[in-house]
Amino acid sequence: MKFTKGLLIIAVLPLFLSGCGGAVKGLQAGVAKLGEGIRIATAAPYNKVGNEWRGKPISKFQEKFGAPTNRSNAGEATALTWQRSRVVRIPARTYIEQTVTLNMVITKHRYVPEHDDDVSCTLALTAKDGAIAQVKTLDDVPVPVGVDGLFPASTSACQIVFGS
């Protein structure tokens, strides 16, 4: 009985742990996907690229931004992907960071001077009959452009890169 129990622990425990490892990797992938979705969602209010290009000829988009980085056919529609980046000037900002410890709140003011930053955007366009039918944002980040009252004003990296 003791031998069987020991064998069970030696044989089954690694299988169980490897299964849990797969679950942990799946959870990590899900959290990463969630983080990516949140990042795109925070830039969504500033991204007007879809409204600007929907219904216009795909040839005009290609003329302005060059060849797509990826192309795939799905039935009647063709999905074209563009990934572009641009260097933008980020204004100076002061960030306030608060940390709560025991019975104190520690507030730090971190000043970031004006600087240049490389921002990128990835769009997937679906074309039907030579016209842009759908614009889907695959990667986007909010880009600070100034101060609007108490809150910093932002725009979308996709708006900067692909806006008209």
Foldseek 3Di string as FASTA:
>chain_A
DVVVVVVCCVPVVVVVVVVVVVVVVVVVVVVVVVVQVVQVVVQVVQDCLFVQAAFAFPVVLCVVQNAFPDWDDDPQKIKGKHKDKDKDKAAKDWDWDWDDDDPDIDIDIDIDHIDIDIFMWMWIFIDHPRGTHGIDTPGKGWGFDACDPPRTDTHIRCCVVRND
